[in-house]
Amino acid sequence: MTARMPLDEDEVRRTHVFLAVSGALALVGCFAAFLFDGDPAWRIAFTVSVAVMLLGYSALWLQTRDLRNYSASVAVAVITVCNLAGVSASIYFGIFSPAPMILMLPIAFIGLSSSARGA
């Protein structure tokens, strides 16, 4: 066991919590999109981006079930690309809605990661 092992384990757990919480928030937002009257094209874009995000999150979750498979740079890349769902949410719900705050969650997560380049 190396000295870095507990920190890596903590980061994997934190990553899993982030994936679960942001994935759940995305699903709630996706269902809420059908409660509002908005542009149908942006609703579809938002729904598709949430689906892509959930696929990316699921792949990252499955890959990192084993601590040895975790790579901070891969996690940062997946979360950054999946943040496009937050952009489409901001466009669909509006910049004066709570949707732009979604974009801050990955920034806080990546800033705490062990990837200095990502931070």
PDB file of N, CA and C in Angstrom:
ATOM      1  N   MET A   1       0.855  -1.188   0.000  1.00  0.00           N
ATOM      2  CA  MET A   1       0.000   0.000   0.000  1.00  0.00           C
ATOM      3  C   MET A   1       0.894   1.242   0.000  1.00  0.00           C
ATOM      4  N   THR A   2       0.655   2.114  -0.946  1.00  0.00           N
ATOM      5  CA  THR A   2       1.441   3.341  -1.025  1.00  0.00           C
ATOM      6  C   THR A   2       0.803   4.429  -0.174  1.00  0.00           C
ATOM      7  N   ALA A   3       1.560   5.476   0.048  1.00  0.00           N
ATOM      8  CA  ALA A   3       1.052   6.595   0.847  1.00  0.00           C
ATOM      9  C   ALA A   3      -0.078   7.317   0.127  1.00  0.00           C
ATOM     10  N   ARG A   4      -0.120   7.228  -1.180  1.00  0.00           N
ATOM     11  CA  ARG A   4      -1.119   7.935  -1.982  1.00  0.00           C
ATOM     12  C   ARG A   4      -2.456   7.180  -2.030  1.00  0.00           C
ATOM     13  N   MET A   5      -2.458   5.899  -1.690  1.00  0.00           N
ATOM     14  CA  MET A   5      -3.632   5.044  -1.836  1.00  0.00           C
ATOM     15  C   MET A   5      -4.897   5.594  -1.141  1.00  0.00           C
ATOM     16  N   PRO A   6      -4.846   6.040   0.126  1.00  0.00           N
ATOM     17  CA  PRO A   6      -6.070   6.580   0.751  1.00  0.00           C
ATOM     18  C   PRO A   6      -6.618   7.805   0.028  1.00  0.00           C
ATOM     19  N   LEU A   7      -5.738   8.647  -0.500  1.00  0.00           N
ATOM     20  CA  LEU A   7      -6.194   9.831  -1.238  1.00  0.00           C
ATOM     21  C   LEU A   7      -6.872   9.426  -2.544  1.00  0.00           C
ATOM     22  N   ASP A   8      -6.311   8.438  -3.222  1.00  0.00           N
ATOM     23  CA  ASP A   8      -6.918   7.947  -4.460  1.00  0.00           C
ATOM     24  C   ASP A   8      -8.287   7.329  -4.187  1.00  0.00           C
ATOM     25  N   GLU A   9      -8.367   6.564  -3.109  1.00  0.00           N
ATOM     26  CA  GLU A   9      -9.641   5.939  -2.750  1.00  0.00           C
ATOM     27  C   GLU A   9     -10.692   7.005  -2.431  1.00  0.00           C
ATOM     28  N   ASP A  10     -10.285   8.040  -1.721  1.00  0.00           N
ATOM     29  CA  ASP A  10     -11.199   9.141  -1.411  1.00  0.00           C
ATOM     30  C   ASP A  10     -11.661   9.845  -2.688  1.00  0.00           C
ATOM     31  N   GLU A  11     -10.755  10.023  -3.632  1.00  0.00           N
ATOM     32  CA  GLU A  11     -11.136  10.688  -4.877  1.00  0.00           C
ATOM     33  C   GLU A  11     -12.120   9.845  -5.695  1.00  0.00           C
ATOM     34  N   VAL A  12     -11.926   8.541  -5.699  1.00  0.00           N
ATOM     35  CA  VAL A  12     -12.855   7.664  -6.416  1.00  0.00           C
ATOM     36  C   VAL A  12     -14.236   7.723  -5.752  1.00  0.00           C
ATOM     37  N   ARG A  13     -14.269   7.675  -4.445  1.00  0.00           N
ATOM     38  CA  ARG A  13     -15.568   7.785  -3.742  1.00  0.00           C
ATOM     39  C   ARG A  13     -16.236   9.129  -4.029  1.00  0.00           C
ATOM     40  N   ARG A  14     -15.442  10.188  -3.995  1.00  0.00           N
ATOM     41  CA  ARG A  14     -15.982  11.527  -4.281  1.00  0.00           C
ATOM     42  C   ARG A  14     -16.490  11.608  -5.719  1.00  0.00           C
ATOM     43  N   THR A  15     -15.778  10.964  -6.631  1.00  0.00           N
ATOM     44  CA  THR A  15     -16.208  10.930  -8.026  1.00  0.00           C
ATOM     45  C   THR A  15     -17.539  10.202  -8.152  1.00  0.00           C
ATOM     46  N   HIS A  16     -17.683   9.082  -7.479  1.00  0.00           N
ATOM     47  CA  HIS A  16     -18.931   8.325  -7.545  1.00  0.00           C
ATOM     48  C   HIS A  16     -20.106   9.120  -6.968  1.00  0.00           C
ATOM     49  N   VAL A  17     -19.857   9.832  -5.887  1.00  0.00           N
ATOM     50  CA  VAL A  17     -20.923  10.677  -5.310  1.00  0.00           C
ATOM     51  C   VAL A  17     -21.291  11.792  -6.287  1.00  0.00           C
ATOM     52  N   PHE A  18     -20.280  12.414  -6.887  1.00  0.00           N
ATOM     53  CA  PHE A  18     -20.550  13.470  -7.859  1.00  0.00           C
ATOM     54  C   PHE A  18     -21.361  12.939  -9.032  1.00  0.00           C
ATOM     55  N   LEU A  19     -20.987  11.771  -9.552  1.00  0.00           N
ATOM     56  CA  LEU A  19     -21.706  11.193 -10.684  1.00  0.00           C
ATOM     57  C   LEU A  19     -23.154  10.896 -10.312  1.00  0.00           C
ATOM     58  N   ALA A  20     -23.378  10.361  -9.132  1.00  0.00           N
ATOM     59  CA  ALA A  20     -24.737  10.025  -8.705  1.00  0.00           C
ATOM     60  C   ALA A  20     -25.590  11.277  -8.506  1.00  0.00           C
ATOM     61  N   VAL A  21     -25.039  12.267  -7.822  1.00  0.00           N
ATOM     62  CA  VAL A  21     -25.808  13.483  -7.537  1.00  0.00           C
ATOM     63  C   VAL A  21     -26.096  14.272  -8.815  1.00  0.00           C
ATOM     64  N   SER A  22     -25.071  14.495  -9.629  1.00  0.00           N
ATOM     65  CA  SER A  22     -25.304  15.281 -10.846  1.00  0.00           C
ATOM     66  C   SER A  22     -26.144  14.506 -11.854  1.00  0.00           C
ATOM     67  N   GLY A  23     -26.023  13.178 -11.875  1.00  0.00           N
ATOM     68  CA  GLY A  23     -26.884  12.377 -12.747  1.00  0.00           C
ATOM     69  C   GLY A  23     -28.343  12.456 -12.318  1.00  0.00           C
ATOM     70  N   ALA A  24     -28.592  12.403 -11.009  1.00  0.00           N
ATOM     71  CA  ALA A  24     -29.959  12.524 -10.499  1.00  0.00           C
ATOM     72  C   ALA A  24     -30.536  13.908 -10.793  1.00  0.00           C
ATOM     73  N   LEU A  25     -29.721  14.948 -10.605  1.00  0.00           N
ATOM     74  CA  LEU A  25     -30.185  16.308 -10.922  1.00  0.00           C
ATOM     75  C   LEU A  25     -30.495  16.451 -12.410  1.00  0.00           C
ATOM     76  N   ALA A  26     -29.695  15.819 -13.251  1.00  0.00           N
ATOM     77  CA  ALA A  26     -29.937  15.881 -14.692  1.00  0.00           C
ATOM     78  C   ALA A  26     -31.248  15.195 -15.056  1.00  0.00           C
ATOM     79  N   LEU A  27     -31.533  14.070 -14.432  1.00  0.00           N
ATOM     80  CA  LEU A  27     -32.796  13.375 -14.699  1.00  0.00           C
ATOM     81  C   LEU A  27     -33.990  14.203 -14.251  1.00  0.00           C
ATOM     82  N   VAL A  28     -33.876  14.836 -13.096  1.00  0.00           N
ATOM     83  CA  VAL A  28     -34.959  15.711 -12.620  1.00  0.00           C
ATOM     84  C   VAL A  28     -35.160  16.868 -13.601  1.00  0.00           C
ATOM     85  N   GLY A  29     -34.066  17.463 -14.047  1.00  0.00           N
ATOM     86  CA  GLY A  29     -34.162  18.548 -15.020  1.00  0.00           C
ATOM     87  C   GLY A  29     -34.755  18.092 -16.338  1.00  0.00           C
ATOM     88  N   CYS A  30     -34.423  16.888 -16.743  1.00  0.00           N
ATOM     89  CA  CYS A  30     -34.947  16.350 -17.995  1.00  0.00           C
ATOM     90  C   CYS A  30     -36.465  16.158 -17.907  1.00  0.00           C
ATOM     91  N   PHE A  31     -36.926  15.632 -16.778  1.00  0.00           N
ATOM     92  CA  PHE A  31     -38.370  15.475 -16.596  1.00  0.00           C
ATOM     93  C   PHE A  31     -39.053  16.831 -16.475  1.00  0.00           C
ATOM     94  N   ALA A  32     -38.398  17.791 -15.822  1.00  0.00           N
ATOM     95  CA  ALA A  32     -38.965  19.130 -15.673  1.00  0.00           C
ATOM     96  C   ALA A  32     -39.079  19.848 -17.011  1.00  0.00           C
ATOM     97  N   ALA A  33     -38.217  19.514 -17.940  1.00  0.00           N
ATOM     98  CA  ALA A  33     -38.260  20.166 -19.256  1.00  0.00           C
ATOM     99  C   ALA A  33     -39.583  19.913 -19.959  1.00  0.00           C
ATOM    100  N   PHE A  34     -40.207  18.793 -19.657  1.00  0.00           N
ATOM    101  CA  PHE A  34     -41.485  18.476 -20.295  1.00  0.00           C
ATOM    102  C   PHE A  34     -42.673  19.112 -19.575  1.00  0.00           C
ATOM    103  N   LEU A  35     -42.419  19.761 -18.443  1.00  0.00           N
ATOM    104  CA  LEU A  35     -43.475  20.463 -17.728  1.00  0.00           C
ATOM    105  C   LEU A  35     -43.612  21.907 -18.194  1.00  0.00           C
ATOM    106  N   PHE A  36     -42.576  22.419 -18.863  1.00  0.00           N
ATOM    107  CA  PHE A  36     -42.571  23.804 -19.303  1.00  0.00           C
ATOM    108  C   PHE A  36     -42.786  23.890 -20.803  1.00  0.00           C
ATOM    109  N   ASP A  37     -43.302  25.023 -21.198  1.00  0.00           N
ATOM    110  CA  ASP A  37     -43.515  25.266 -22.618  1.00  0.00           C
ATOM    111  C   ASP A  37     -42.303  26.027 -23.145  1.00  0.00           C
ATOM    112  N   GLY A  38     -41.470  25.334 -23.871  1.00  0.00           N
ATOM    113  CA  GLY A  38     -40.268  25.953 -24.413  1.00  0.00           C
ATOM    114  C   GLY A  38     -40.052  25.514 -25.844  1.00  0.00           C
ATOM    115  N   ASP A  39     -38.945  25.941 -26.396  1.00  0.00           N
ATOM    116  CA  ASP A  39     -38.603  25.585 -27.762  1.00  0.00           C
ATOM    117  C   ASP A  39     -38.394  24.071 -27.860  1.00  0.00           C
ATOM    118  N   PRO A  40     -39.165  23.389 -28.701  1.00  0.00           N
ATOM    119  CA  PRO A  40     -39.043  21.930 -28.800  1.00  0.00           C
ATOM    120  C   PRO A  40     -37.664  21.467 -29.266  1.00  0.00           C
ATOM    121  N   ALA A  41     -37.002  22.243 -30.113  1.00  0.00           N
ATOM    122  CA  ALA A  41     -35.677  21.849 -30.592  1.00  0.00           C
ATOM    123  C   ALA A  41     -34.668  21.851 -29.442  1.00  0.00           C
ATOM    124  N   TRP A  42     -34.737  22.863 -28.573  1.00  0.00           N
ATOM    125  CA  TRP A  42     -33.815  22.914 -27.442  1.00  0.00           C
ATOM    126  C   TRP A  42     -34.178  21.871 -26.394  1.00  0.00           C
ATOM    127  N   ARG A  43     -35.452  21.542 -26.280  1.00  0.00           N
ATOM    128  CA  ARG A  43     -35.860  20.470 -25.361  1.00  0.00           C
ATOM    129  C   ARG A  43     -35.240  19.147 -25.815  1.00  0.00           C
ATOM    130  N   ILE A  44     -35.276  18.890 -27.122  1.00  0.00           N
ATOM    131  CA  ILE A  44     -34.672  17.667 -27.661  1.00  0.00           C
ATOM    132  C   ILE A  44     -33.157  17.691 -27.450  1.00  0.00           C
ATOM    133  N   ALA A  45     -32.535  18.844 -27.708  1.00  0.00           N
ATOM    134  CA  ALA A  45     -31.080  18.959 -27.504  1.00  0.00           C
ATOM    135  C   ALA A  45     -30.715  18.711 -26.051  1.00  0.00           C
ATOM    136  N   PHE A  46     -31.506  19.247 -25.141  1.00  0.00           N
ATOM    137  CA  PHE A  46     -31.248  19.049 -23.716  1.00  0.00           C
ATOM    138  C   PHE A  46     -31.428  17.581 -23.339  1.00  0.00           C
ATOM    139  N   THR A  47     -32.492  16.950 -23.826  1.00  0.00           N
ATOM    140  CA  THR A  47     -32.753  15.548 -23.517  1.00  0.00           C
ATOM    141  C   THR A  47     -31.641  14.647 -24.060  1.00  0.00           C
ATOM    142  N   VAL A  48     -31.202  14.923 -25.286  1.00  0.00           N
ATOM    143  CA  VAL A  48     -30.121  14.131 -25.874  1.00  0.00           C
ATOM    144  C   VAL A  48     -28.819  14.342 -25.096  1.00  0.00           C
ATOM    145  N   SER A  49     -28.532  15.576 -24.709  1.00  0.00           N
ATOM    146  CA  SER A  49     -27.292  15.836 -23.961  1.00  0.00           C
ATOM    147  C   SER A  49     -27.320  15.165 -22.591  1.00  0.00           C
ATOM    148  N   VAL A  50     -28.490  15.098 -21.961  1.00  0.00           N
ATOM    149  CA  VAL A  50     -28.599  14.387 -20.684  1.00  0.00           C
ATOM    150  C   VAL A  50     -28.374  12.889 -20.900  1.00  0.00           C
ATOM    151  N   ALA A  51     -28.911  12.349 -21.981  1.00  0.00           N
ATOM    152  CA  ALA A  51     -28.706  10.929 -22.272  1.00  0.00           C
ATOM    153  C   ALA A  51     -27.223  10.632 -22.505  1.00  0.00           C
ATOM    154  N   VAL A  52     -26.544  11.502 -23.258  1.00  0.00           N
ATOM    155  CA  VAL A  52     -25.108  11.323 -23.502  1.00  0.00           C
ATOM    156  C   VAL A  52     -24.327  11.452 -22.192  1.00  0.00           C
ATOM    157  N   MET A  53     -24.721  12.414 -21.367  1.00  0.00           N
ATOM    158  CA  MET A  53     -24.068  12.599 -20.087  1.00  0.00           C
ATOM    159  C   MET A  53     -24.210  11.358 -19.218  1.00  0.00           C
ATOM    160  N   LEU A  54     -25.412  10.801 -19.148  1.00  0.00           N
ATOM    161  CA  LEU A  54     -25.635   9.617 -18.331  1.00  0.00           C
ATOM    162  C   LEU A  54     -24.861   8.410 -18.856  1.00  0.00           C
ATOM    163  N   LEU A  55     -24.726   8.299 -20.165  1.00  0.00           N
ATOM    164  CA  LEU A  55     -23.902   7.230 -20.732  1.00  0.00           C
ATOM    165  C   LEU A  55     -22.430   7.400 -20.346  1.00  0.00           C
ATOM    166  N   GLY A  56     -21.936   8.629 -20.459  1.00  0.00           N
ATOM    167  CA  GLY A  56     -20.554   8.907 -20.070  1.00  0.00           C
ATOM    168  C   GLY A  56     -20.320   8.657 -18.593  1.00  0.00           C
ATOM    169  N   TYR A  57     -21.252   9.108 -17.758  1.00  0.00           N
ATOM    170  CA  TYR A  57     -21.139   8.904 -16.322  1.00  0.00           C
ATOM    171  C   TYR A  57     -21.179   7.415 -15.984  1.00  0.00           C
ATOM    172  N   SER A  58     -22.060   6.673 -16.654  1.00  0.00           N
ATOM    173  CA  SER A  58     -22.159   5.232 -16.395  1.00  0.00           C
ATOM    174  C   SER A  58     -20.866   4.523 -16.776  1.00  0.00           C
ATOM    175  N   ALA A  59     -20.303   4.899 -17.917  1.00  0.00           N
ATOM    176  CA  ALA A  59     -19.039   4.286 -18.344  1.00  0.00           C
ATOM    177  C   ALA A  59     -17.926   4.601 -17.351  1.00  0.00           C
ATOM    178  N   LEU A  60     -17.864   5.843 -16.884  1.00  0.00           N
ATOM    179  CA  LEU A  60     -16.842   6.220 -15.908  1.00  0.00           C
ATOM    180  C   LEU A  60     -17.051   5.471 -14.596  1.00  0.00           C
ATOM    181  N   TRP A  61     -18.296   5.347 -14.170  1.00  0.00           N
ATOM    182  CA  TRP A  61     -18.608   4.634 -12.928  1.00  0.00           C
ATOM    183  C   TRP A  61     -18.162   3.173 -13.036  1.00  0.00           C
ATOM    184  N   LEU A  62     -18.521   2.528 -14.146  1.00  0.00           N
ATOM    185  CA  LEU A  62     -18.160   1.123 -14.323  1.00  0.00           C
ATOM    186  C   LEU A  62     -16.648   0.935 -14.398  1.00  0.00           C
ATOM    187  N   GLN A  63     -15.970   1.859 -15.050  1.00  0.00           N
ATOM    188  CA  GLN A  63     -14.520   1.755 -15.170  1.00  0.00           C
ATOM    189  C   GLN A  63     -13.829   1.926 -13.830  1.00  0.00           C
ATOM    190  N   THR A  64     -14.370   2.782 -12.979  1.00  0.00           N
ATOM    191  CA  THR A  64     -13.686   3.111 -11.725  1.00  0.00           C
ATOM    192  C   THR A  64     -14.201   2.305 -10.536  1.00  0.00           C
ATOM    193  N   ARG A  65     -14.946   1.249 -10.800  1.00  0.00           N
ATOM    194  CA  ARG A  65     -15.333   0.390  -9.675  1.00  0.00           C
ATOM    195  C   ARG A  65     -14.091  -0.199  -9.012  1.00  0.00           C
ATOM    196  N   ASP A  66     -13.091  -0.462  -9.820  1.00  0.00           N
ATOM    197  CA  ASP A  66     -11.801  -0.905  -9.296  1.00  0.00           C
ATOM    198  C   ASP A  66     -10.891   0.325  -9.206  1.00  0.00           C
ATOM    199  N   LEU A  67     -10.350   0.565  -8.042  1.00  0.00           N
ATOM    200  CA  LEU A  67      -9.523   1.745  -7.790  1.00  0.00           C
ATOM    201  C   LEU A  67      -8.346   1.853  -8.754  1.00  0.00           C
ATOM    202  N   ARG A  68      -7.810   0.728  -9.171  1.00  0.00           N
ATOM    203  CA  ARG A  68      -6.642   0.748 -10.057  1.00  0.00           C
ATOM    204  C   ARG A  68      -6.963   1.302 -11.439  1.00  0.00           C
ATOM    205  N   ASN A  69      -8.233   1.314 -11.821  1.00  0.00           N
ATOM    206  CA  ASN A  69      -8.635   1.812 -13.141  1.00  0.00           C
ATOM    207  C   ASN A  69      -8.903   3.311 -13.150  1.00  0.00           C
ATOM    208  N   TYR A  70      -8.839   3.941 -11.994  1.00  0.00           N
ATOM    209  CA  TYR A  70      -9.168   5.365 -11.924  1.00  0.00           C
ATOM    210  C   TYR A  70      -8.033   6.215 -12.477  1.00  0.00           C
ATOM    211  N   SER A  71      -8.393   7.170 -13.306  1.00  0.00           N
ATOM    212  CA  SER A  71      -7.456   8.156 -13.827  1.00  0.00           C
ATOM    213  C   SER A  71      -8.115   9.523 -13.700  1.00  0.00           C
ATOM    214  N   ALA A  72      -7.486  10.411 -12.974  1.00  0.00           N
ATOM    215  CA  ALA A  72      -8.068  11.741 -12.766  1.00  0.00           C
ATOM    216  C   ALA A  72      -8.246  12.467 -14.092  1.00  0.00           C
ATOM    217  N   SER A  73      -7.328  12.301 -15.006  1.00  0.00           N
ATOM    218  CA  SER A  73      -7.446  12.998 -16.292  1.00  0.00           C
ATOM    219  C   SER A  73      -8.624  12.479 -17.105  1.00  0.00           C
ATOM    220  N   VAL A  74      -8.887  11.176 -17.044  1.00  0.00           N
ATOM    221  CA  VAL A  74     -10.054  10.620 -17.741  1.00  0.00           C
ATOM    222  C   VAL A  74     -11.337  11.135 -17.090  1.00  0.00           C
ATOM    223  N   ALA A  75     -11.378  11.157 -15.768  1.00  0.00           N
ATOM    224  CA  ALA A  75     -12.565  11.662 -15.064  1.00  0.00           C
ATOM    225  C   ALA A  75     -12.819  13.124 -15.410  1.00  0.00           C
ATOM    226  N   VAL A  76     -11.773  13.929 -15.436  1.00  0.00           N
ATOM    227  CA  VAL A  76     -11.915  15.343 -15.786  1.00  0.00           C
ATOM    228  C   VAL A  76     -12.417  15.489 -17.216  1.00  0.00           C
ATOM    229  N   ALA A  77     -11.879  14.688 -18.129  1.00  0.00           N
ATOM    230  CA  ALA A  77     -12.311  14.763 -19.535  1.00  0.00           C
ATOM    231  C   ALA A  77     -13.779  14.381 -19.685  1.00  0.00           C
ATOM    232  N   VAL A  78     -14.190  13.296 -19.055  1.00  0.00           N
ATOM    233  CA  VAL A  78     -15.593  12.855 -19.157  1.00  0.00           C
ATOM    234  C   VAL A  78     -16.522  13.893 -18.562  1.00  0.00           C
ATOM    235  N   ILE A  79     -16.186  14.411 -17.404  1.00  0.00           N
ATOM    236  CA  ILE A  79     -17.054  15.386 -16.740  1.00  0.00           C
ATOM    237  C   ILE A  79     -17.093  16.696 -17.515  1.00  0.00           C
ATOM    238  N   THR A  80     -15.995  17.091 -18.102  1.00  0.00           N
ATOM    239  CA  THR A  80     -15.979  18.328 -18.900  1.00  0.00           C
ATOM    240  C   THR A  80     -16.855  18.184 -20.141  1.00  0.00           C
ATOM    241  N   VAL A  81     -16.726  17.084 -20.847  1.00  0.00           N
ATOM    242  CA  VAL A  81     -17.551  16.865 -22.038  1.00  0.00           C
ATOM    243  C   VAL A  81     -19.023  16.752 -21.662  1.00  0.00           C
ATOM    244  N   CYS A  82     -19.287  16.060 -20.569  1.00  0.00           N
ATOM    245  CA  CYS A  82     -20.674  15.892 -20.137  1.00  0.00           C
ATOM    246  C   CYS A  82     -21.285  17.188 -19.606  1.00  0.00           C
ATOM    247  N   ASN A  83     -20.456  18.178 -19.339  1.00  0.00           N
ATOM    248  CA  ASN A  83     -20.966  19.462 -18.882  1.00  0.00           C
ATOM    249  C   ASN A  83     -21.744  20.190 -19.977  1.00  0.00           C
ATOM    250  N   LEU A  84     -21.672  19.684 -21.189  1.00  0.00           N
ATOM    251  CA  LEU A  84     -22.480  20.258 -22.270  1.00  0.00           C
ATOM    252  C   LEU A  84     -23.968  20.160 -21.966  1.00  0.00           C
ATOM    253  N   ALA A  85     -24.361  19.182 -21.170  1.00  0.00           N
ATOM    254  CA  ALA A  85     -25.761  19.090 -20.743  1.00  0.00           C
ATOM    255  C   ALA A  85     -26.140  20.316 -19.917  1.00  0.00           C
ATOM    256  N   GLY A  86     -25.206  20.825 -19.132  1.00  0.00           N
ATOM    257  CA  GLY A  86     -25.460  22.045 -18.362  1.00  0.00           C
ATOM    258  C   GLY A  86     -25.601  23.259 -19.249  1.00  0.00           C
ATOM    259  N   VAL A  87     -24.829  23.288 -20.314  1.00  0.00           N
ATOM    260  CA  VAL A  87     -24.942  24.394 -21.270  1.00  0.00           C
ATOM    261  C   VAL A  87     -26.305  24.358 -21.945  1.00  0.00           C
ATOM    262  N   SER A  88     -26.718  23.169 -22.399  1.00  0.00           N
ATOM    263  CA  SER A  88     -28.026  23.076 -23.060  1.00  0.00           C
ATOM    264  C   SER A  88     -29.161  23.356 -22.076  1.00  0.00           C
ATOM    265  N   ALA A  89     -28.995  22.994 -20.802  1.00  0.00           N
ATOM    266  CA  ALA A  89     -30.000  23.320 -19.789  1.00  0.00           C
ATOM    267  C   ALA A  89     -30.108  24.825 -19.599  1.00  0.00           C
ATOM    268  N   SER A  90     -28.964  25.497 -19.598  1.00  0.00           N
ATOM    269  CA  SER A  90     -28.961  26.956 -19.442  1.00  0.00           C
ATOM    270  C   SER A  90     -29.650  27.634 -20.619  1.00  0.00           C
ATOM    271  N   ILE A  91     -29.446  27.101 -21.798  1.00  0.00           N
ATOM    272  CA  ILE A  91     -30.094  27.676 -22.979  1.00  0.00           C
ATOM    273  C   ILE A  91     -31.595  27.394 -22.952  1.00  0.00           C
ATOM    274  N   TYR A  92     -31.978  26.171 -22.607  1.00  0.00           N
ATOM    275  CA  TYR A  92     -33.395  25.816 -22.616  1.00  0.00           C
ATOM    276  C   TYR A  92     -34.179  26.520 -21.508  1.00  0.00           C
ATOM    277  N   PHE A  93     -33.693  26.449 -20.272  1.00  0.00           N
ATOM    278  CA  PHE A  93     -34.432  27.027 -19.150  1.00  0.00           C
ATOM    279  C   PHE A  93     -34.203  28.530 -19.012  1.00  0.00           C
ATOM    280  N   GLY A  94     -33.094  29.045 -19.554  1.00  0.00           N
ATOM    281  CA  GLY A  94     -32.817  30.476 -19.500  1.00  0.00           C
ATOM    282  C   GLY A  94     -31.698  30.806 -18.537  1.00  0.00           C
ATOM    283  N   ILE A  95     -31.018  31.905 -18.820  1.00  0.00           N
ATOM    284  CA  ILE A  95     -29.874  32.276 -17.992  1.00  0.00           C
ATOM    285  C   ILE A  95     -30.282  32.847 -16.635  1.00  0.00           C
ATOM    286  N   PHE A  96     -31.552  33.196 -16.472  1.00  0.00           N
ATOM    287  CA  PHE A  96     -32.012  33.714 -15.184  1.00  0.00           C
ATOM    288  C   PHE A  96     -32.699  32.644 -14.352  1.00  0.00           C
ATOM    289  N   SER A  97     -32.617  31.403 -14.798  1.00  0.00           N
ATOM    290  CA  SER A  97     -33.129  30.272 -14.039  1.00  0.00           C
ATOM    291  C   SER A  97     -31.981  29.692 -13.203  1.00  0.00           C
ATOM    292  N   PRO A  98     -32.269  28.704 -12.373  1.00  0.00           N
ATOM    293  CA  PRO A  98     -31.180  28.057 -11.612  1.00  0.00           C
ATOM    294  C   PRO A  98     -30.254  27.188 -12.478  1.00  0.00           C
ATOM    295  N   ALA A  99     -30.591  26.983 -13.738  1.00  0.00           N
ATOM    296  CA  ALA A  99     -29.826  26.081 -14.604  1.00  0.00           C
ATOM    297  C   ALA A  99     -28.342  26.448 -14.742  1.00  0.00           C
ATOM    298  N   PRO A 100     -27.958  27.722 -14.871  1.00  0.00           N
ATOM    299  CA  PRO A 100     -26.519  28.015 -14.987  1.00  0.00           C
ATOM    300  C   PRO A 100     -25.694  27.597 -13.775  1.00  0.00           C
ATOM    301  N   MET A 101     -26.337  27.418 -12.621  1.00  0.00           N
ATOM    302  CA  MET A 101     -25.595  26.962 -11.448  1.00  0.00           C
ATOM    303  C   MET A 101     -25.097  25.531 -11.630  1.00  0.00           C
ATOM    304  N   ILE A 102     -25.739  24.779 -12.541  1.00  0.00           N
ATOM    305  CA  ILE A 102     -25.305  23.419 -12.826  1.00  0.00           C
ATOM    306  C   ILE A 102     -23.872  23.427 -13.336  1.00  0.00           C
ATOM    307  N   LEU A 103     -23.492  24.467 -14.042  1.00  0.00           N
ATOM    308  CA  LEU A 103     -22.149  24.547 -14.615  1.00  0.00           C
ATOM    309  C   LEU A 103     -21.071  24.708 -13.545  1.00  0.00           C
ATOM    310  N   MET A 104     -21.451  25.121 -12.348  1.00  0.00           N
ATOM    311  CA  MET A 104     -20.475  25.327 -11.279  1.00  0.00           C
ATOM    312  C   MET A 104     -20.108  24.019 -10.577  1.00  0.00           C
ATOM    313  N   LEU A 105     -20.999  23.038 -10.582  1.00  0.00           N
ATOM    314  CA  LEU A 105     -20.715  21.768  -9.896  1.00  0.00           C
ATOM    315  C   LEU A 105     -19.472  21.071 -10.445  1.00  0.00           C
ATOM    316  N   PRO A 106     -19.351  20.904 -11.768  1.00  0.00           N
ATOM    317  CA  PRO A 106     -18.134  20.254 -12.275  1.00  0.00           C
ATOM    318  C   PRO A 106     -16.873  21.078 -12.032  1.00  0.00           C
ATOM    319  N   ILE A 107     -17.000  22.388 -12.041  1.00  0.00           N
ATOM    320  CA  ILE A 107     -15.827  23.228 -11.790  1.00  0.00           C
ATOM    321  C   ILE A 107     -15.310  22.996 -10.372  1.00  0.00           C
ATOM    322  N   ALA A 108     -16.219  22.934  -9.410  1.00  0.00           N
ATOM    323  CA  ALA A 108     -15.814  22.676  -8.030  1.00  0.00           C
ATOM    324  C   ALA A 108     -15.223  21.273  -7.899  1.00  0.00           C
ATOM    325  N   PHE A 109     -15.828  20.298  -8.559  1.00  0.00           N
ATOM    326  CA  PHE A 109     -15.330  18.931  -8.487  1.00  0.00           C
ATOM    327  C   PHE A 109     -13.936  18.818  -9.096  1.00  0.00           C
ATOM    328  N   ILE A 110     -13.759  19.361 -10.281  1.00  0.00           N
ATOM    329  CA  ILE A 110     -12.470  19.264 -10.975  1.00  0.00           C
ATOM    330  C   ILE A 110     -11.389  20.024 -10.216  1.00  0.00           C
ATOM    331  N   GLY A 111     -11.768  21.133  -9.597  1.00  0.00           N
ATOM    332  CA  GLY A 111     -10.797  21.896  -8.820  1.00  0.00           C
ATOM    333  C   GLY A 111     -10.246  21.119  -7.634  1.00  0.00           C
ATOM    334  N   LEU A 112     -11.021  20.169  -7.130  1.00  0.00           N
ATOM    335  CA  LEU A 112     -10.564  19.365  -5.999  1.00  0.00           C
ATOM    336  C   LEU A 112      -9.894  18.070  -6.420  1.00  0.00           C
ATOM    337  N   SER A 113      -9.867  17.803  -7.724  1.00  0.00           N
ATOM    338  CA  SER A 113      -9.297  16.541  -8.187  1.00  0.00           C
ATOM    339  C   SER A 113      -7.776  16.555  -8.089  1.00  0.00           C
ATOM    340  N   SER A 114      -7.190  15.388  -8.286  1.00  0.00           N
ATOM    341  CA  SER A 114      -5.730  15.292  -8.226  1.00  0.00           C
ATOM    342  C   SER A 114      -5.087  15.657  -9.553  1.00  0.00           C
ATOM    343  N   SER A 115      -5.902  16.036 -10.540  1.00  0.00           N
ATOM    344  CA  SER A 115      -5.380  16.431 -11.825  1.00  0.00           C
ATOM    345  C   SER A 115      -5.032  17.923 -11.801  1.00  0.00           C
ATOM    346  N   ALA A 116      -3.771  18.224 -11.702  1.00  0.00           N
ATOM    347  CA  ALA A 116      -3.359  19.632 -11.671  1.00  0.00           C
ATOM    348  C   ALA A 116      -3.679  20.313 -12.992  1.00  0.00           C
ATOM    349  N   ARG A 117      -3.540  19.587 -14.073  1.00  0.00           N
ATOM    350  CA  ARG A 117      -3.850  20.152 -15.391  1.00  0.00           C
ATOM    351  C   ARG A 117      -5.345  20.474 -15.503  1.00  0.00           C
ATOM    352  N   GLY A 118      -6.183  19.574 -15.045  1.00  0.00           N
ATOM    353  CA  GLY A 118      -7.625  19.803 -15.082  1.00  0.00           C
ATOM    354  C   GLY A 118      -8.051  20.954 -14.187  1.00  0.00           C
ATOM    355  N   ALA A 119      -7.440  21.033 -13.004  1.00  0.00           N
ATOM    356  CA  ALA A 119      -7.788  22.107 -12.065  1.00  0.00           C
ATOM    357  C   ALA A 119      -7.338  23.441 -12.626  1.00  0.00           C
TER     358      ALA A 119
END
